[in-house]
Amino acid sequence: MSNVVPVLNGAVAMASFVAMLFFLRFWRQTQDSFFLFFAFAFGVDAVMRLVLGLAHVSEETEPLIYLARAAGFAAIIIAIIRKNRPTNPG
């Protein structure tokens, strides 16, 4: 059963990479930073899943990977806040 975890991490990394490419394409079309923040978040997730799938991560270094993933989630939160921020009409 332990051989399944790296395979699943690789599959999720690939899916995150594809999502990053979609958001980069949308950003190129619209120049909206919302899509750039989402592309960054999915890119960080793809790299971290790849690291988790390929490397044997010890218990001491595992929190560093989750800190990087937290940075990706923070990018999503920042994107949503910036998108919903009221604009000044004047």
PDB file of N, CA and C in Angstrom:
ATOM      1  N   MET A   1       0.817  -1.200   0.000  1.00  0.00           N
ATOM      2  CA  MET A   1       0.000   0.000   0.000  1.00  0.00           C
ATOM      3  C   MET A   1       0.856   1.258   0.000  1.00  0.00           C
ATOM      4  N   SER A   2       2.095   1.177   0.518  1.00  0.00           N
ATOM      5  CA  SER A   2       2.934   2.364   0.607  1.00  0.00           C
ATOM      6  C   SER A   2       3.416   2.836  -0.764  1.00  0.00           C
ATOM      7  N   ASN A   3       3.370   1.973  -1.794  1.00  0.00           N
ATOM      8  CA  ASN A   3       3.776   2.379  -3.130  1.00  0.00           C
ATOM      9  C   ASN A   3       2.729   3.234  -3.816  1.00  0.00           C
ATOM     10  N   VAL A   4       1.524   3.247  -3.305  1.00  0.00           N
ATOM     11  CA  VAL A   4       0.445   4.001  -3.917  1.00  0.00           C
ATOM     12  C   VAL A   4       0.584   5.497  -3.627  1.00  0.00           C
ATOM     13  N   VAL A   5       1.121   5.848  -2.488  1.00  0.00           N
ATOM     14  CA  VAL A   5       1.198   7.255  -2.073  1.00  0.00           C
ATOM     15  C   VAL A   5       2.043   8.089  -3.035  1.00  0.00           C
ATOM     16  N   PRO A   6       3.245   7.659  -3.443  1.00  0.00           N
ATOM     17  CA  PRO A   6       3.996   8.468  -4.406  1.00  0.00           C
ATOM     18  C   PRO A   6       3.292   8.605  -5.757  1.00  0.00           C
ATOM     19  N   VAL A   7       2.614   7.554  -6.168  1.00  0.00           N
ATOM     20  CA  VAL A   7       1.876   7.618  -7.438  1.00  0.00           C
ATOM     21  C   VAL A   7       0.744   8.630  -7.349  1.00  0.00           C
ATOM     22  N   LEU A   8       0.020   8.620  -6.248  1.00  0.00           N
ATOM     23  CA  LEU A   8      -1.064   9.583  -6.076  1.00  0.00           C
ATOM     24  C   LEU A   8      -0.534  11.009  -5.943  1.00  0.00           C
ATOM     25  N   ASN A   9       0.596  11.187  -5.261  1.00  0.00           N
ATOM     26  CA  ASN A   9       1.215  12.510  -5.185  1.00  0.00           C
ATOM     27  C   ASN A   9       1.626  12.992  -6.574  1.00  0.00           C
ATOM     28  N   GLY A  10       2.135  12.100  -7.390  1.00  0.00           N
ATOM     29  CA  GLY A  10       2.493  12.461  -8.761  1.00  0.00           C
ATOM     30  C   GLY A  10       1.278  12.845  -9.587  1.00  0.00           C
ATOM     31  N   ALA A  11       0.181  12.121  -9.411  1.00  0.00           N
ATOM     32  CA  ALA A  11      -1.042  12.444 -10.150  1.00  0.00           C
ATOM     33  C   ALA A  11      -1.594  13.803  -9.736  1.00  0.00           C
ATOM     34  N   VAL A  12      -1.572  14.087  -8.447  1.00  0.00           N
ATOM     35  CA  VAL A  12      -2.047  15.389  -7.973  1.00  0.00           C
ATOM     36  C   VAL A  12      -1.106  16.497  -8.432  1.00  0.00           C
ATOM     37  N   ALA A  13       0.195  16.219  -8.467  1.00  0.00           N
ATOM     38  CA  ALA A  13       1.160  17.208  -8.958  1.00  0.00           C
ATOM     39  C   ALA A  13       0.896  17.528 -10.423  1.00  0.00           C
ATOM     40  N   MET A  14       0.611  16.499 -11.221  1.00  0.00           N
ATOM     41  CA  MET A  14       0.310  16.724 -12.630  1.00  0.00           C
ATOM     42  C   MET A  14      -0.967  17.541 -12.793  1.00  0.00           C
ATOM     43  N   ALA A  15      -1.988  17.228 -12.011  1.00  0.00           N
ATOM     44  CA  ALA A  15      -3.244  17.969 -12.086  1.00  0.00           C
ATOM     45  C   ALA A  15      -3.050  19.427 -11.666  1.00  0.00           C
ATOM     46  N   SER A  16      -2.247  19.657 -10.642  1.00  0.00           N
ATOM     47  CA  SER A  16      -1.966  21.030 -10.218  1.00  0.00           C
ATOM     48  C   SER A  16      -1.175  21.779 -11.279  1.00  0.00           C
ATOM     49  N   PHE A  17      -0.257  21.093 -11.946  1.00  0.00           N
ATOM     50  CA  PHE A  17       0.517  21.716 -13.012  1.00  0.00           C
ATOM     51  C   PHE A  17      -0.382  22.110 -14.185  1.00  0.00           C
ATOM     52  N   VAL A  18      -1.308  21.239 -14.539  1.00  0.00           N
ATOM     53  CA  VAL A  18      -2.249  21.552 -15.627  1.00  0.00           C
ATOM     54  C   VAL A  18      -3.141  22.728 -15.230  1.00  0.00           C
ATOM     55  N   ALA A  19      -3.603  22.759 -13.994  1.00  0.00           N
ATOM     56  CA  ALA A  19      -4.409  23.888 -13.531  1.00  0.00           C
ATOM     57  C   ALA A  19      -3.595  25.176 -13.576  1.00  0.00           C
ATOM     58  N   MET A  20      -2.312  25.103 -13.217  1.00  0.00           N
ATOM     59  CA  MET A  20      -1.448  26.279 -13.296  1.00  0.00           C
ATOM     60  C   MET A  20      -1.348  26.780 -14.735  1.00  0.00           C
ATOM     61  N   LEU A  21      -1.213  25.871 -15.686  1.00  0.00           N
ATOM     62  CA  LEU A  21      -1.131  26.274 -17.094  1.00  0.00           C
ATOM     63  C   LEU A  21      -2.416  26.943 -17.562  1.00  0.00           C
ATOM     64  N   PHE A  22      -3.569  26.428 -17.131  1.00  0.00           N
ATOM     65  CA  PHE A  22      -4.840  27.058 -17.491  1.00  0.00           C
ATOM     66  C   PHE A  22      -4.933  28.470 -16.934  1.00  0.00           C
ATOM     67  N   PHE A  23      -4.572  28.634 -15.662  1.00  0.00           N
ATOM     68  CA  PHE A  23      -4.649  29.959 -15.063  1.00  0.00           C
ATOM     69  C   PHE A  23      -3.652  30.920 -15.701  1.00  0.00           C
ATOM     70  N   LEU A  24      -2.471  30.435 -16.115  1.00  0.00           N
ATOM     71  CA  LEU A  24      -1.527  31.301 -16.822  1.00  0.00           C
ATOM     72  C   LEU A  24      -2.082  31.731 -18.178  1.00  0.00           C
ATOM     73  N   ARG A  25      -2.783  30.822 -18.845  1.00  0.00           N
ATOM     74  CA  ARG A  25      -3.396  31.190 -20.123  1.00  0.00           C
ATOM     75  C   ARG A  25      -4.469  32.250 -19.925  1.00  0.00           C
ATOM     76  N   PHE A  26      -5.293  32.080 -18.889  1.00  0.00           N
ATOM     77  CA  PHE A  26      -6.321  33.079 -18.614  1.00  0.00           C
ATOM     78  C   PHE A  26      -5.696  34.416 -18.234  1.00  0.00           C
ATOM     79  N   TRP A  27      -4.576  34.383 -17.484  1.00  0.00           N
ATOM     80  CA  TRP A  27      -3.895  35.617 -17.119  1.00  0.00           C
ATOM     81  C   TRP A  27      -3.343  36.328 -18.355  1.00  0.00           C
ATOM     82  N   ARG A  28      -2.791  35.563 -19.284  1.00  0.00           N
ATOM     83  CA  ARG A  28      -2.268  36.179 -20.512  1.00  0.00           C
ATOM     84  C   ARG A  28      -3.371  36.823 -21.329  1.00  0.00           C
ATOM     85  N   GLN A  29      -4.559  36.254 -21.309  1.00  0.00           N
ATOM     86  CA  GLN A  29      -5.673  36.813 -22.078  1.00  0.00           C
ATOM     87  C   GLN A  29      -6.264  38.055 -21.426  1.00  0.00           C
ATOM     88  N   THR A  30      -6.331  38.061 -20.094  1.00  0.00           N
ATOM     89  CA  THR A  30      -7.038  39.143 -19.398  1.00  0.00           C
ATOM     90  C   THR A  30      -6.116  40.107 -18.659  1.00  0.00           C
ATOM     91  N   GLN A  31      -4.889  39.711 -18.374  1.00  0.00           N
ATOM     92  CA  GLN A  31      -3.956  40.498 -17.557  1.00  0.00           C
ATOM     93  C   GLN A  31      -4.517  40.788 -16.167  1.00  0.00           C
ATOM     94  N   ASP A  32      -5.424  39.931 -15.680  1.00  0.00           N
ATOM     95  CA  ASP A  32      -6.005  40.064 -14.350  1.00  0.00           C
ATOM     96  C   ASP A  32      -5.115  39.323 -13.358  1.00  0.00           C
ATOM     97  N   SER A  33      -4.663  40.021 -12.316  1.00  0.00           N
ATOM     98  CA  SER A  33      -3.746  39.408 -11.358  1.00  0.00           C
ATOM     99  C   SER A  33      -4.391  38.255 -10.584  1.00  0.00           C
ATOM    100  N   PHE A  34      -5.701  38.194 -10.566  1.00  0.00           N
ATOM    101  CA  PHE A  34      -6.420  37.099  -9.918  1.00  0.00           C
ATOM    102  C   PHE A  34      -5.923  35.755 -10.461  1.00  0.00           C
ATOM    103  N   PHE A  35      -5.819  35.648 -11.770  1.00  0.00           N
ATOM    104  CA  PHE A  35      -5.386  34.401 -12.394  1.00  0.00           C
ATOM    105  C   PHE A  35      -3.905  34.137 -12.134  1.00  0.00           C
ATOM    106  N   LEU A  36      -3.114  35.190 -12.024  1.00  0.00           N
ATOM    107  CA  LEU A  36      -1.696  35.023 -11.736  1.00  0.00           C
ATOM    108  C   LEU A  36      -1.484  34.476 -10.329  1.00  0.00           C
ATOM    109  N   PHE A  37      -2.250  34.964  -9.368  1.00  0.00           N
ATOM    110  CA  PHE A  37      -2.158  34.451  -7.999  1.00  0.00           C
ATOM    111  C   PHE A  37      -2.568  32.972  -7.946  1.00  0.00           C
ATOM    112  N   PHE A  38      -3.625  32.622  -8.665  1.00  0.00           N
ATOM    113  CA  PHE A  38      -4.055  31.226  -8.682  1.00  0.00           C
ATOM    114  C   PHE A  38      -3.018  30.342  -9.373  1.00  0.00           C
ATOM    115  N   ALA A  39      -2.408  30.835 -10.454  1.00  0.00           N
ATOM    116  CA  ALA A  39      -1.362  30.065 -11.129  1.00  0.00           C
ATOM    117  C   ALA A  39      -0.181  29.832 -10.188  1.00  0.00           C
ATOM    118  N   PHE A  40       0.194  30.865  -9.435  1.00  0.00           N
ATOM    119  CA  PHE A  40       1.271  30.714  -8.461  1.00  0.00           C
ATOM    120  C   PHE A  40       0.918  29.654  -7.425  1.00  0.00           C
ATOM    121  N   ALA A  41      -0.314  29.710  -6.911  1.00  0.00           N
ATOM    122  CA  ALA A  41      -0.727  28.760  -5.875  1.00  0.00           C
ATOM    123  C   ALA A  41      -0.692  27.327  -6.390  1.00  0.00           C
ATOM    124  N   PHE A  42      -1.187  27.108  -7.591  1.00  0.00           N
ATOM    125  CA  PHE A  42      -1.175  25.749  -8.135  1.00  0.00           C
ATOM    126  C   PHE A  42       0.239  25.312  -8.509  1.00  0.00           C
ATOM    127  N   GLY A  43       1.091  26.244  -8.910  1.00  0.00           N
ATOM    128  CA  GLY A  43       2.480  25.901  -9.187  1.00  0.00           C
ATOM    129  C   GLY A  43       3.212  25.461  -7.934  1.00  0.00           C
ATOM    130  N   VAL A  44       2.997  26.183  -6.837  1.00  0.00           N
ATOM    131  CA  VAL A  44       3.608  25.796  -5.561  1.00  0.00           C
ATOM    132  C   VAL A  44       3.100  24.422  -5.134  1.00  0.00           C
ATOM    133  N   ASP A  45       1.802  24.196  -5.301  1.00  0.00           N
ATOM    134  CA  ASP A  45       1.242  22.899  -4.922  1.00  0.00           C
ATOM    135  C   ASP A  45       1.838  21.781  -5.777  1.00  0.00           C
ATOM    136  N   ALA A  46       2.008  22.028  -7.069  1.00  0.00           N
ATOM    137  CA  ALA A  46       2.582  21.006  -7.948  1.00  0.00           C
ATOM    138  C   ALA A  46       4.003  20.657  -7.531  1.00  0.00           C
ATOM    139  N   VAL A  47       4.801  21.674  -7.235  1.00  0.00           N
ATOM    140  CA  VAL A  47       6.189  21.421  -6.834  1.00  0.00           C
ATOM    141  C   VAL A  47       6.239  20.672  -5.506  1.00  0.00           C
ATOM    142  N   MET A  48       5.410  21.076  -4.565  1.00  0.00           N
ATOM    143  CA  MET A  48       5.433  20.420  -3.259  1.00  0.00           C
ATOM    144  C   MET A  48       4.949  18.979  -3.344  1.00  0.00           C
ATOM    145  N   ARG A  49       3.940  18.718  -4.163  1.00  0.00           N
ATOM    146  CA  ARG A  49       3.483  17.326  -4.334  1.00  0.00           C
ATOM    147  C   ARG A  49       4.549  16.487  -5.009  1.00  0.00           C
ATOM    148  N   LEU A  50       5.272  17.093  -5.954  1.00  0.00           N
ATOM    149  CA  LEU A  50       6.352  16.379  -6.614  1.00  0.00           C
ATOM    150  C   LEU A  50       7.460  16.046  -5.622  1.00  0.00           C
ATOM    151  N   VAL A  51       7.797  16.994  -4.769  1.00  0.00           N
ATOM    152  CA  VAL A  51       8.814  16.748  -3.741  1.00  0.00           C
ATOM    153  C   VAL A  51       8.351  15.650  -2.791  1.00  0.00           C
ATOM    154  N   LEU A  52       7.097  15.702  -2.382  1.00  0.00           N
ATOM    155  CA  LEU A  52       6.578  14.663  -1.481  1.00  0.00           C
ATOM    156  C   LEU A  52       6.564  13.297  -2.157  1.00  0.00           C
ATOM    157  N   GLY A  53       6.328  13.262  -3.465  1.00  0.00           N
ATOM    158  CA  GLY A  53       6.270  11.992  -4.173  1.00  0.00           C
ATOM    159  C   GLY A  53       7.638  11.389  -4.456  1.00  0.00           C
ATOM    160  N   LEU A  54       8.637  12.247  -4.700  1.00  0.00           N
ATOM    161  CA  LEU A  54       9.949  11.742  -5.101  1.00  0.00           C
ATOM    162  C   LEU A  54      10.923  11.565  -3.946  1.00  0.00           C
ATOM    163  N   ALA A  55      10.845  12.433  -2.971  1.00  0.00           N
ATOM    164  CA  ALA A  55      11.832  12.415  -1.896  1.00  0.00           C
ATOM    165  C   ALA A  55      11.252  11.761  -0.647  1.00  0.00           C
ATOM    166  N   HIS A  56      12.138  11.181   0.104  1.00  0.00           N
ATOM    167  CA  HIS A  56      11.730  10.685   1.418  1.00  0.00           C
ATOM    168  C   HIS A  56      11.882  11.842   2.394  1.00  0.00           C
ATOM    169  N   VAL A  57      10.784  12.393   2.784  1.00  0.00           N
ATOM    170  CA  VAL A  57      10.794  13.568   3.642  1.00  0.00           C
ATOM    171  C   VAL A  57      10.757  13.111   5.092  1.00  0.00           C
ATOM    172  N   SER A  58      11.712  13.616   5.866  1.00  0.00           N
ATOM    173  CA  SER A  58      11.757  13.234   7.271  1.00  0.00           C
ATOM    174  C   SER A  58      10.741  14.047   8.066  1.00  0.00           C
ATOM    175  N   GLU A  59      10.503  13.627   9.268  1.00  0.00           N
ATOM    176  CA  GLU A  59       9.525  14.309  10.122  1.00  0.00           C
ATOM    177  C   GLU A  59       9.972  15.720  10.474  1.00  0.00           C
ATOM    178  N   GLU A  60      11.281  15.974  10.437  1.00  0.00           N
ATOM    179  CA  GLU A  60      11.785  17.297  10.780  1.00  0.00           C
ATOM    180  C   GLU A  60      11.589  18.300   9.646  1.00  0.00           C
ATOM    181  N   THR A  61      11.688  17.841   8.399  1.00  0.00           N
ATOM    182  CA  THR A  61      11.579  18.760   7.260  1.00  0.00           C
ATOM    183  C   THR A  61      10.176  18.834   6.679  1.00  0.00           C
ATOM    184  N   GLU A  62       9.295  17.980   7.095  1.00  0.00           N
ATOM    185  CA  GLU A  62       7.943  17.982   6.537  1.00  0.00           C
ATOM    186  C   GLU A  62       7.197  19.292   6.789  1.00  0.00           C
ATOM    187  N   PRO A  63       7.328  19.954   7.938  1.00  0.00           N
ATOM    188  CA  PRO A  63       6.634  21.237   8.120  1.00  0.00           C
ATOM    189  C   PRO A  63       7.051  22.307   7.116  1.00  0.00           C
ATOM    190  N   LEU A  64       8.276  22.252   6.609  1.00  0.00           N
ATOM    191  CA  LEU A  64       8.700  23.224   5.602  1.00  0.00           C
ATOM    192  C   LEU A  64       7.896  23.080   4.318  1.00  0.00           C
ATOM    193  N   ILE A  65       7.559  21.858   3.963  1.00  0.00           N
ATOM    194  CA  ILE A  65       6.745  21.635   2.768  1.00  0.00           C
ATOM    195  C   ILE A  65       5.345  22.190   2.991  1.00  0.00           C
ATOM    196  N   TYR A  66       4.816  22.002   4.174  1.00  0.00           N
ATOM    197  CA  TYR A  66       3.486  22.517   4.449  1.00  0.00           C
ATOM    198  C   TYR A  66       3.476  24.032   4.586  1.00  0.00           C
ATOM    199  N   LEU A  67       4.600  24.646   4.975  1.00  0.00           N
ATOM    200  CA  LEU A  67       4.694  26.105   4.972  1.00  0.00           C
ATOM    201  C   LEU A  67       4.634  26.643   3.551  1.00  0.00           C
ATOM    202  N   ALA A  68       5.289  25.957   2.627  1.00  0.00           N
ATOM    203  CA  ALA A  68       5.219  26.374   1.227  1.00  0.00           C
ATOM    204  C   ALA A  68       3.799  26.228   0.700  1.00  0.00           C
ATOM    205  N   ARG A  69       3.131  25.166   1.083  1.00  0.00           N
ATOM    206  CA  ARG A  69       1.741  24.978   0.663  1.00  0.00           C
ATOM    207  C   ARG A  69       0.842  26.044   1.281  1.00  0.00           C
ATOM    208  N   ALA A  70       1.136  26.445   2.525  1.00  0.00           N
ATOM    209  CA  ALA A  70       0.377  27.525   3.160  1.00  0.00           C
ATOM    210  C   ALA A  70       0.568  28.841   2.401  1.00  0.00           C
ATOM    211  N   ALA A  71       1.763  29.051   1.848  1.00  0.00           N
ATOM    212  CA  ALA A  71       1.991  30.243   1.029  1.00  0.00           C
ATOM    213  C   ALA A  71       1.118  30.212  -0.224  1.00  0.00           C
ATOM    214  N   GLY A  72       0.928  29.048  -0.790  1.00  0.00           N
ATOM    215  CA  GLY A  72       0.029  28.926  -1.942  1.00  0.00           C
ATOM    216  C   GLY A  72      -1.410  29.246  -1.577  1.00  0.00           C
ATOM    217  N   PHE A  73      -1.850  28.743  -0.437  1.00  0.00           N
ATOM    218  CA  PHE A  73      -3.211  29.050   0.005  1.00  0.00           C
ATOM    219  C   PHE A  73      -3.355  30.525   0.353  1.00  0.00           C
ATOM    220  N   ALA A  74      -2.301  31.122   0.899  1.00  0.00           N
ATOM    221  CA  ALA A  74      -2.338  32.561   1.184  1.00  0.00           C
ATOM    222  C   ALA A  74      -2.459  33.357  -0.105  1.00  0.00           C
ATOM    223  N   ALA A  75      -1.820  32.895  -1.172  1.00  0.00           N
ATOM    224  CA  ALA A  75      -1.947  33.569  -2.466  1.00  0.00           C
ATOM    225  C   ALA A  75      -3.384  33.519  -2.968  1.00  0.00           C
ATOM    226  N   ILE A  76      -4.068  32.403  -2.755  1.00  0.00           N
ATOM    227  CA  ILE A  76      -5.475  32.305  -3.158  1.00  0.00           C
ATOM    228  C   ILE A  76      -6.328  33.266  -2.341  1.00  0.00           C
ATOM    229  N   ILE A  77      -6.078  33.342  -1.048  1.00  0.00           N
ATOM    230  CA  ILE A  77      -6.842  34.256  -0.189  1.00  0.00           C
ATOM    231  C   ILE A  77      -6.602  35.699  -0.607  1.00  0.00           C
ATOM    232  N   ILE A  78      -5.353  36.047  -0.890  1.00  0.00           N
ATOM    233  CA  ILE A  78      -5.038  37.413  -1.323  1.00  0.00           C
ATOM    234  C   ILE A  78      -5.734  37.728  -2.646  1.00  0.00           C
ATOM    235  N   ALA A  79      -5.741  36.773  -3.563  1.00  0.00           N
ATOM    236  CA  ALA A  79      -6.402  36.991  -4.851  1.00  0.00           C
ATOM    237  C   ALA A  79      -7.891  37.252  -4.670  1.00  0.00           C
ATOM    238  N   ILE A  80      -8.531  36.491  -3.806  1.00  0.00           N
ATOM    239  CA  ILE A  80      -9.968  36.663  -3.578  1.00  0.00           C
ATOM    240  C   ILE A  80     -10.242  38.002  -2.913  1.00  0.00           C
ATOM    241  N   ILE A  81      -9.434  38.378  -1.939  1.00  0.00           N
ATOM    242  CA  ILE A  81      -9.629  39.665  -1.264  1.00  0.00           C
ATOM    243  C   ILE A  81      -9.429  40.817  -2.242  1.00  0.00           C
ATOM    244  N   ARG A  82      -8.376  40.734  -3.069  1.00  0.00           N
ATOM    245  CA  ARG A  82      -8.130  41.809  -4.040  1.00  0.00           C
ATOM    246  C   ARG A  82      -9.245  41.908  -5.066  1.00  0.00           C
ATOM    247  N   LYS A  83      -9.806  40.777  -5.466  1.00  0.00           N
ATOM    248  CA  LYS A  83     -10.873  40.778  -6.470  1.00  0.00           C
ATOM    249  C   LYS A  83     -12.163  41.361  -5.910  1.00  0.00           C
ATOM    250  N   ASN A  84     -12.427  41.142  -4.639  1.00  0.00           N
ATOM    251  CA  ASN A  84     -13.672  41.608  -4.028  1.00  0.00           C
ATOM    252  C   ASN A  84     -13.550  42.961  -3.348  1.00  0.00           C
ATOM    253  N   ARG A  85     -12.387  43.576  -3.427  1.00  0.00           N
ATOM    254  CA  ARG A  85     -12.178  44.880  -2.825  1.00  0.00           C
ATOM    255  C   ARG A  85     -12.990  45.919  -3.597  1.00  0.00           C
ATOM    256  N   PRO A  86     -13.692  46.798  -2.881  1.00  0.00           N
ATOM    257  CA  PRO A  86     -14.480  47.818  -3.588  1.00  0.00           C
ATOM    258  C   PRO A  86     -13.562  48.825  -4.294  1.00  0.00           C
ATOM    259  N   THR A  87     -13.986  49.251  -5.449  1.00  0.00           N
ATOM    260  CA  THR A  87     -13.213  50.233  -6.206  1.00  0.00           C
ATOM    261  C   THR A  87     -13.770  51.619  -5.959  1.00  0.00           C
ATOM    262  N   ASN A  88     -12.917  52.600  -5.974  1.00  0.00           N
ATOM    263  CA  ASN A  88     -13.348  53.993  -5.799  1.00  0.00           C
ATOM    264  C   ASN A  88     -13.894  54.529  -7.118  1.00  0.00           C
ATOM    265  N   PRO A  89     -15.147  54.997  -7.142  1.00  0.00           N
ATOM    266  CA  PRO A  89     -15.721  55.473  -8.405  1.00  0.00           C
ATOM    267  C   PRO A  89     -15.181  56.831  -8.836  1.00  0.00           C
ATOM    268  N   GLY A  90     -14.378  57.463  -8.036  1.00  0.00           N
ATOM    269  CA  GLY A  90     -13.951  58.802  -8.396  1.00  0.00           C
ATOM    270  C   GLY A  90     -12.538  58.888  -8.542  1.00  0.00           C
TER     271      GLY A  90
END
